Amino acid sequence: MKKSFLALSFLTFTLVFSSCREEKKSEEQVKEVEVVKEVEVEAKEDKGILERTAEKVDDEVNKEVNQEIEKIGDDN
């Protein structure tokens, strides 16, 4: 009798605390974010740094030469 009472109380105890227990629900909010990033890409030139620098210097020299020609004037 004692064994059946212990078995029945253990079974009741197990059913009460396992089947009726609510599981804690954790509310997780998942946000999907779409990031659009615009990046300006410089066109890659075929010329190297020395060639580009030489072109700038040539432009400056040409301007100076043109100014000197204008100072001298047109002899025609």
PDB file of N, CA and C in Angstrom:
ATOM      1  N   MET A   1       0.829  -1.184   0.000  1.00  0.00           N
ATOM      2  CA  MET A   1       0.000   0.000   0.000  1.00  0.00           C
ATOM      3  C   MET A   1       0.878   1.255   0.000  1.00  0.00           C
ATOM      4  N   LYS A   2       1.931   1.210   0.773  1.00  0.00           N
ATOM      5  CA  LYS A   2       2.826   2.349   0.879  1.00  0.00           C
ATOM      6  C   LYS A   2       3.521   2.591  -0.472  1.00  0.00           C
ATOM      7  N   LYS A   3       3.913   1.514  -1.146  1.00  0.00           N
ATOM      8  CA  LYS A   3       4.585   1.651  -2.435  1.00  0.00           C
ATOM      9  C   LYS A   3       3.630   2.205  -3.488  1.00  0.00           C
ATOM     10  N   SER A   4       2.375   1.761  -3.481  1.00  0.00           N
ATOM     11  CA  SER A   4       1.419   2.261  -4.469  1.00  0.00           C
ATOM     12  C   SER A   4       1.095   3.727  -4.222  1.00  0.00           C
ATOM     13  N   PHE A   5       1.031   4.125  -2.939  1.00  0.00           N
ATOM     14  CA  PHE A   5       0.778   5.517  -2.603  1.00  0.00           C
ATOM     15  C   PHE A   5       1.950   6.391  -3.059  1.00  0.00           C
ATOM     16  N   LEU A   6       3.170   5.963  -2.819  1.00  0.00           N
ATOM     17  CA  LEU A   6       4.347   6.715  -3.249  1.00  0.00           C
ATOM     18  C   LEU A   6       4.410   6.811  -4.776  1.00  0.00           C
ATOM     19  N   ALA A   7       4.094   5.711  -5.465  1.00  0.00           N
ATOM     20  CA  ALA A   7       4.118   5.711  -6.926  1.00  0.00           C
ATOM     21  C   ALA A   7       3.054   6.642  -7.471  1.00  0.00           C
ATOM     22  N   LEU A   8       1.843   6.583  -6.881  1.00  0.00           N
ATOM     23  CA  LEU A   8       0.753   7.448  -7.323  1.00  0.00           C
ATOM     24  C   LEU A   8       1.057   8.908  -7.038  1.00  0.00           C
ATOM     25  N   SER A   9       1.620   9.229  -5.887  1.00  0.00           N
ATOM     26  CA  SER A   9       1.949  10.617  -5.564  1.00  0.00           C
ATOM     27  C   SER A   9       3.093  11.118  -6.461  1.00  0.00           C
ATOM     28  N   PHE A  10       4.074  10.250  -6.745  1.00  0.00           N
ATOM     29  CA  PHE A  10       5.164  10.644  -7.640  1.00  0.00           C
ATOM     30  C   PHE A  10       4.641  10.900  -9.055  1.00  0.00           C
ATOM     31  N   LEU A  11       3.719  10.040  -9.523  1.00  0.00           N
ATOM     32  CA  LEU A  11       3.125  10.207 -10.846  1.00  0.00           C
ATOM     33  C   LEU A  11       2.296  11.491 -10.905  1.00  0.00           C
ATOM     34  N   THR A  12       1.531  11.759  -9.883  1.00  0.00           N
ATOM     35  CA  THR A  12       0.717  12.977  -9.832  1.00  0.00           C
ATOM     36  C   THR A  12       1.617  14.215  -9.794  1.00  0.00           C
ATOM     37  N   PHE A  13       2.629  14.156  -8.976  1.00  0.00           N
ATOM     38  CA  PHE A  13       3.572  15.274  -8.854  1.00  0.00           C
ATOM     39  C   PHE A  13       4.246  15.556 -10.205  1.00  0.00           C
ATOM     40  N   THR A  14       4.631  14.511 -10.904  1.00  0.00           N
ATOM     41  CA  THR A  14       5.292  14.655 -12.190  1.00  0.00           C
ATOM     42  C   THR A  14       4.344  15.242 -13.227  1.00  0.00           C
ATOM     43  N   LEU A  15       3.124  14.767 -13.272  1.00  0.00           N
ATOM     44  CA  LEU A  15       2.151  15.276 -14.242  1.00  0.00           C
ATOM     45  C   LEU A  15       1.773  16.722 -13.975  1.00  0.00           C
ATOM     46  N   VAL A  16       1.637  17.069 -12.723  1.00  0.00           N
ATOM     47  CA  VAL A  16       1.231  18.428 -12.374  1.00  0.00           C
ATOM     48  C   VAL A  16       2.307  19.439 -12.775  1.00  0.00           C
ATOM     49  N   PHE A  17       3.536  19.146 -12.476  1.00  0.00           N
ATOM     50  CA  PHE A  17       4.588  20.121 -12.722  1.00  0.00           C
ATOM     51  C   PHE A  17       5.183  20.057 -14.137  1.00  0.00           C
ATOM     52  N   SER A  18       4.915  19.006 -14.860  1.00  0.00           N
ATOM     53  CA  SER A  18       5.494  18.951 -16.194  1.00  0.00           C
ATOM     54  C   SER A  18       4.493  19.325 -17.274  1.00  0.00           C
ATOM     55  N   SER A  19       3.258  18.882 -17.198  1.00  0.00           N
ATOM     56  CA  SER A  19       2.323  19.137 -18.287  1.00  0.00           C
ATOM     57  C   SER A  19       1.627  20.484 -18.165  1.00  0.00           C
ATOM     58  N   CYS A  20       1.485  20.997 -16.978  1.00  0.00           N
ATOM     59  CA  CYS A  20       0.753  22.242 -16.795  1.00  0.00           C
ATOM     60  C   CYS A  20       1.663  23.459 -16.712  1.00  0.00           C
ATOM     61  N   ARG A  21       2.910  23.224 -16.747  1.00  0.00           N
ATOM     62  CA  ARG A  21       3.832  24.336 -16.608  1.00  0.00           C
ATOM     63  C   ARG A  21       3.942  25.075 -17.943  1.00  0.00           C
ATOM     64  N   GLU A  22       3.798  26.369 -17.882  1.00  0.00           N
ATOM     65  CA  GLU A  22       3.911  27.170 -19.088  1.00  0.00           C
ATOM     66  C   GLU A  22       5.379  27.451 -19.366  1.00  0.00           C
ATOM     67  N   GLU A  23       5.685  27.381 -20.612  1.00  0.00           N
ATOM     68  CA  GLU A  23       7.051  27.705 -20.986  1.00  0.00           C
ATOM     69  C   GLU A  23       7.157  29.222 -21.135  1.00  0.00           C
ATOM     70  N   LYS A  24       8.246  29.736 -20.684  1.00  0.00           N
ATOM     71  CA  LYS A  24       8.457  31.163 -20.832  1.00  0.00           C
ATOM     72  C   LYS A  24       8.771  31.451 -22.284  1.00  0.00           C
ATOM     73  N   LYS A  25       8.015  32.346 -22.821  1.00  0.00           N
ATOM     74  CA  LYS A  25       8.229  32.714 -24.211  1.00  0.00           C
ATOM     75  C   LYS A  25       9.045  33.994 -24.255  1.00  0.00           C
ATOM     76  N   SER A  26      10.137  33.906 -24.916  1.00  0.00           N
ATOM     77  CA  SER A  26      10.931  35.110 -25.075  1.00  0.00           C
ATOM     78  C   SER A  26      10.569  35.719 -26.424  1.00  0.00           C
ATOM     79  N   GLU A  27      10.187  36.948 -26.357  1.00  0.00           N
ATOM     80  CA  GLU A  27       9.786  37.630 -27.578  1.00  0.00           C
ATOM     81  C   GLU A  27      11.015  38.295 -28.190  1.00  0.00           C
ATOM     82  N   GLU A  28      11.410  37.754 -29.284  1.00  0.00           N
ATOM     83  CA  GLU A  28      12.538  38.331 -29.996  1.00  0.00           C
ATOM     84  C   GLU A  28      12.023  38.973 -31.266  1.00  0.00           C
ATOM     85  N   GLN A  29      12.399  40.191 -31.429  1.00  0.00           N
ATOM     86  CA  GLN A  29      11.991  40.893 -32.632  1.00  0.00           C
ATOM     87  C   GLN A  29      13.171  40.906 -33.587  1.00  0.00           C
ATOM     88  N   VAL A  30      12.911  40.415 -34.754  1.00  0.00           N
ATOM     89  CA  VAL A  30      13.951  40.379 -35.765  1.00  0.00           C
ATOM     90  C   VAL A  30      13.623  41.442 -36.793  1.00  0.00           C
ATOM     91  N   LYS A  31      14.536  42.364 -36.940  1.00  0.00           N
ATOM     92  CA  LYS A  31      14.334  43.439 -37.900  1.00  0.00           C
ATOM     93  C   LYS A  31      15.283  43.224 -39.057  1.00  0.00           C
ATOM     94  N   GLU A  32      14.736  43.262 -40.230  1.00  0.00           N
ATOM     95  CA  GLU A  32      15.566  43.151 -41.413  1.00  0.00           C
ATOM     96  C   GLU A  32      15.801  44.553 -41.949  1.00  0.00           C
ATOM     97  N   VAL A  33      17.057  44.884 -42.100  1.00  0.00           N
ATOM     98  CA  VAL A  33      17.431  46.209 -42.551  1.00  0.00           C
ATOM     99  C   VAL A  33      18.218  46.060 -43.838  1.00  0.00           C
ATOM    100  N   GLU A  34      17.799  46.802 -44.832  1.00  0.00           N
ATOM    101  CA  GLU A  34      18.508  46.780 -46.102  1.00  0.00           C
ATOM    102  C   GLU A  34      19.302  48.064 -46.222  1.00  0.00           C
ATOM    103  N   VAL A  35      20.592  47.919 -46.384  1.00  0.00           N
ATOM    104  CA  VAL A  35      21.480  49.072 -46.457  1.00  0.00           C
ATOM    105  C   VAL A  35      21.941  49.240 -47.894  1.00  0.00           C
ATOM    106  N   VAL A  36      21.692  50.427 -48.399  1.00  0.00           N
ATOM    107  CA  VAL A  36      22.139  50.741 -49.749  1.00  0.00           C
ATOM    108  C   VAL A  36      23.204  51.805 -49.616  1.00  0.00           C
ATOM    109  N   LYS A  37      24.370  51.494 -50.115  1.00  0.00           N
ATOM    110  CA  LYS A  37      25.483  52.418 -49.981  1.00  0.00           C
ATOM    111  C   LYS A  37      26.000  52.733 -51.373  1.00  0.00           C
ATOM    112  N   GLU A  38      25.956  54.008 -51.703  1.00  0.00           N
ATOM    113  CA  GLU A  38      26.438  54.423 -53.008  1.00  0.00           C
ATOM    114  C   GLU A  38      27.883  54.890 -52.868  1.00  0.00           C
ATOM    115  N   VAL A  39      28.715  54.338 -53.686  1.00  0.00           N
ATOM    116  CA  VAL A  39      30.129  54.662 -53.627  1.00  0.00           C
ATOM    117  C   VAL A  39      30.551  55.180 -54.987  1.00  0.00           C
ATOM    118  N   GLU A  40      31.201  56.345 -54.961  1.00  0.00           N
ATOM    119  CA  GLU A  40      31.703  56.893 -56.207  1.00  0.00           C
ATOM    120  C   GLU A  40      33.056  56.264 -56.502  1.00  0.00           C
ATOM    121  N   VAL A  41      33.152  55.712 -57.665  1.00  0.00           N
ATOM    122  CA  VAL A  41      34.387  55.065 -58.055  1.00  0.00           C
ATOM    123  C   VAL A  41      35.027  55.894 -59.156  1.00  0.00           C
ATOM    124  N   GLU A  42      36.257  56.288 -58.908  1.00  0.00           N
ATOM    125  CA  GLU A  42      36.962  57.073 -59.911  1.00  0.00           C
ATOM    126  C   GLU A  42      37.362  56.151 -61.056  1.00  0.00           C
ATOM    127  N   ALA A  43      37.227  56.689 -62.242  1.00  0.00           N
ATOM    128  CA  ALA A  43      37.609  55.902 -63.405  1.00  0.00           C
ATOM    129  C   ALA A  43      39.113  55.703 -63.393  1.00  0.00           C
ATOM    130  N   LYS A  44      39.502  54.496 -63.542  1.00  0.00           N
ATOM    131  CA  LYS A  44      40.928  54.204 -63.518  1.00  0.00           C
ATOM    132  C   LYS A  44      41.525  54.620 -64.854  1.00  0.00           C
ATOM    133  N   GLU A  45      42.520  55.457 -64.763  1.00  0.00           N
ATOM    134  CA  GLU A  45      43.138  55.987 -65.969  1.00  0.00           C
ATOM    135  C   GLU A  45      44.289  55.089 -66.394  1.00  0.00           C
ATOM    136  N   ASP A  46      44.548  55.128 -67.696  1.00  0.00           N
ATOM    137  CA  ASP A  46      45.647  54.332 -68.221  1.00  0.00           C
ATOM    138  C   ASP A  46      46.993  55.006 -67.972  1.00  0.00           C
ATOM    139  N   LYS A  47      46.955  56.276 -67.636  1.00  0.00           N
ATOM    140  CA  LYS A  47      48.195  57.031 -67.461  1.00  0.00           C
ATOM    141  C   LYS A  47      48.658  56.927 -66.016  1.00  0.00           C
ATOM    142  N   GLY A  48      49.954  56.949 -65.842  1.00  0.00           N
ATOM    143  CA  GLY A  48      50.525  56.894 -64.503  1.00  0.00           C
ATOM    144  C   GLY A  48      50.603  58.274 -63.893  1.00  0.00           C
ATOM    145  N   ILE A  49      51.103  58.333 -62.679  1.00  0.00           N
ATOM    146  CA  ILE A  49      51.187  59.597 -61.953  1.00  0.00           C
ATOM    147  C   ILE A  49      52.147  60.568 -62.632  1.00  0.00           C
ATOM    148  N   LEU A  50      53.237  60.065 -63.178  1.00  0.00           N
ATOM    149  CA  LEU A  50      54.197  60.952 -63.840  1.00  0.00           C
ATOM    150  C   LEU A  50      53.615  61.570 -65.101  1.00  0.00           C
ATOM    151  N   GLU A  51      52.868  60.785 -65.855  1.00  0.00           N
ATOM    152  CA  GLU A  51      52.269  61.309 -67.089  1.00  0.00           C
ATOM    153  C   GLU A  51      51.213  62.361 -66.789  1.00  0.00           C
ATOM    154  N   ARG A  52      50.416  62.119 -65.743  1.00  0.00           N
ATOM    155  CA  ARG A  52      49.391  63.112 -65.379  1.00  0.00           C
ATOM    156  C   ARG A  52      50.031  64.393 -64.876  1.00  0.00           C
ATOM    157  N   THR A  53      51.087  64.274 -64.092  1.00  0.00           N
ATOM    158  CA  THR A  53      51.790  65.459 -63.585  1.00  0.00           C
ATOM    159  C   THR A  53      52.438  66.224 -64.731  1.00  0.00           C
ATOM    160  N   ALA A  54      53.007  65.495 -65.678  1.00  0.00           N
ATOM    161  CA  ALA A  54      53.641  66.151 -66.829  1.00  0.00           C
ATOM    162  C   ALA A  54      52.618  66.920 -67.643  1.00  0.00           C
ATOM    163  N   GLU A  55      51.410  66.387 -67.792  1.00  0.00           N
ATOM    164  CA  GLU A  55      50.359  67.103 -68.529  1.00  0.00           C
ATOM    165  C   GLU A  55      49.991  68.403 -67.824  1.00  0.00           C
ATOM    166  N   LYS A  56      49.903  68.381 -66.494  1.00  0.00           N
ATOM    167  CA  LYS A  56      49.582  69.606 -65.749  1.00  0.00           C
ATOM    168  C   LYS A  56      50.682  70.646 -65.913  1.00  0.00           C
ATOM    169  N   VAL A  57      51.921  70.186 -65.850  1.00  0.00           N
ATOM    170  CA  VAL A  57      53.054  71.115 -66.018  1.00  0.00           C
ATOM    171  C   VAL A  57      53.056  71.679 -67.431  1.00  0.00           C
ATOM    172  N   ASP A  58      52.780  70.835 -68.428  1.00  0.00           N
ATOM    173  CA  ASP A  58      52.724  71.309 -69.814  1.00  0.00           C
ATOM    174  C   ASP A  58      51.651  72.378 -69.985  1.00  0.00           C
ATOM    175  N   ASP A  59      50.502  72.168 -69.351  1.00  0.00           N
ATOM    176  CA  ASP A  59      49.426  73.163 -69.446  1.00  0.00           C
ATOM    177  C   ASP A  59      49.876  74.498 -68.856  1.00  0.00           C
ATOM    178  N   GLU A  60      50.552  74.446 -67.706  1.00  0.00           N
ATOM    179  CA  GLU A  60      51.024  75.684 -67.075  1.00  0.00           C
ATOM    180  C   GLU A  60      52.080  76.371 -67.939  1.00  0.00           C
ATOM    181  N   VAL A  61      52.974  75.591 -68.499  1.00  0.00           N
ATOM    182  CA  VAL A  61      54.010  76.170 -69.356  1.00  0.00           C
ATOM    183  C   VAL A  61      53.384  76.772 -70.607  1.00  0.00           C
ATOM    184  N   ASN A  62      52.416  76.099 -71.184  1.00  0.00           N
ATOM    185  CA  ASN A  62      51.737  76.626 -72.365  1.00  0.00           C
ATOM    186  C   ASN A  62      51.045  77.952 -72.065  1.00  0.00           C
ATOM    187  N   LYS A  63      50.430  78.068 -70.878  1.00  0.00           N
ATOM    188  CA  LYS A  63      49.797  79.327 -70.500  1.00  0.00           C
ATOM    189  C   LYS A  63      50.829  80.451 -70.399  1.00  0.00           C
ATOM    190  N   GLU A  64      51.968  80.149 -69.790  1.00  0.00           N
ATOM    191  CA  GLU A  64      53.017  81.160 -69.662  1.00  0.00           C
ATOM    192  C   GLU A  64      53.562  81.560 -71.026  1.00  0.00           C
ATOM    193  N   VAL A  65      53.738  80.601 -71.909  1.00  0.00           N
ATOM    194  CA  VAL A  65      54.241  80.894 -73.250  1.00  0.00           C
ATOM    195  C   VAL A  65      53.234  81.756 -74.000  1.00  0.00           C
ATOM    196  N   ASN A  66      51.967  81.441 -73.878  1.00  0.00           N
ATOM    197  CA  ASN A  66      50.928  82.227 -74.550  1.00  0.00           C
ATOM    198  C   ASN A  66      50.898  83.656 -74.023  1.00  0.00           C
ATOM    199  N   GLN A  67      51.089  83.825 -72.706  1.00  0.00           N
ATOM    200  CA  GLN A  67      51.124  85.175 -72.145  1.00  0.00           C
ATOM    201  C   GLN A  67      52.316  85.966 -72.684  1.00  0.00           C
ATOM    202  N   GLU A  68      53.466  85.343 -72.798  1.00  0.00           N
ATOM    203  CA  GLU A  68      54.657  86.021 -73.329  1.00  0.00           C
ATOM    204  C   GLU A  68      54.454  86.406 -74.798  1.00  0.00           C
ATOM    205  N   ILE A  69      53.791  85.501 -75.557  1.00  0.00           N
ATOM    206  CA  ILE A  69      53.522  85.819 -76.959  1.00  0.00           C
ATOM    207  C   ILE A  69      52.595  87.007 -77.074  1.00  0.00           C
ATOM    208  N   GLU A  70      51.597  87.077 -76.188  1.00  0.00           N
ATOM    209  CA  GLU A  70      50.659  88.207 -76.209  1.00  0.00           C
ATOM    210  C   GLU A  70      51.367  89.511 -75.829  1.00  0.00           C
ATOM    211  N   LYS A  71      52.332  89.418 -74.914  1.00  0.00           N
ATOM    212  CA  LYS A  71      53.085  90.621 -74.518  1.00  0.00           C
ATOM    213  C   LYS A  71      53.916  91.155 -75.686  1.00  0.00           C
ATOM    214  N   ILE A  72      54.506  90.252 -76.421  1.00  0.00           N
ATOM    215  CA  ILE A  72      55.335  90.660 -77.566  1.00  0.00           C
ATOM    216  C   ILE A  72      54.455  91.273 -78.649  1.00  0.00           C
ATOM    217  N   GLY A  73      53.309  90.684 -78.875  1.00  0.00           N
ATOM    218  CA  GLY A  73      52.390  91.241 -79.855  1.00  0.00           C
ATOM    219  C   GLY A  73      52.507  90.532 -81.190  1.00  0.00           C
ATOM    220  N   ASP A  74      51.618  90.899 -82.056  1.00  0.00           N
ATOM    221  CA  ASP A  74      51.580  90.317 -83.392  1.00  0.00           C
ATOM    222  C   ASP A  74      52.303  91.256 -84.340  1.00  0.00           C
ATOM    223  N   ASP A  75      53.378  90.792 -84.978  1.00  0.00           N
ATOM    224  CA  ASP A  75      54.185  91.615 -85.856  1.00  0.00           C
ATOM    225  C   ASP A  75      53.653  91.654 -87.285  1.00  0.00           C
ATOM    226  N   ASN A  76      52.645  90.993 -87.588  1.00  0.00           N
ATOM    227  CA  ASN A  76      52.148  90.968 -88.983  1.00  0.00           C
ATOM    228  C   ASN A  76      51.526  92.238 -89.327  1.00  0.00           C
TER     229      ASN A  76
END
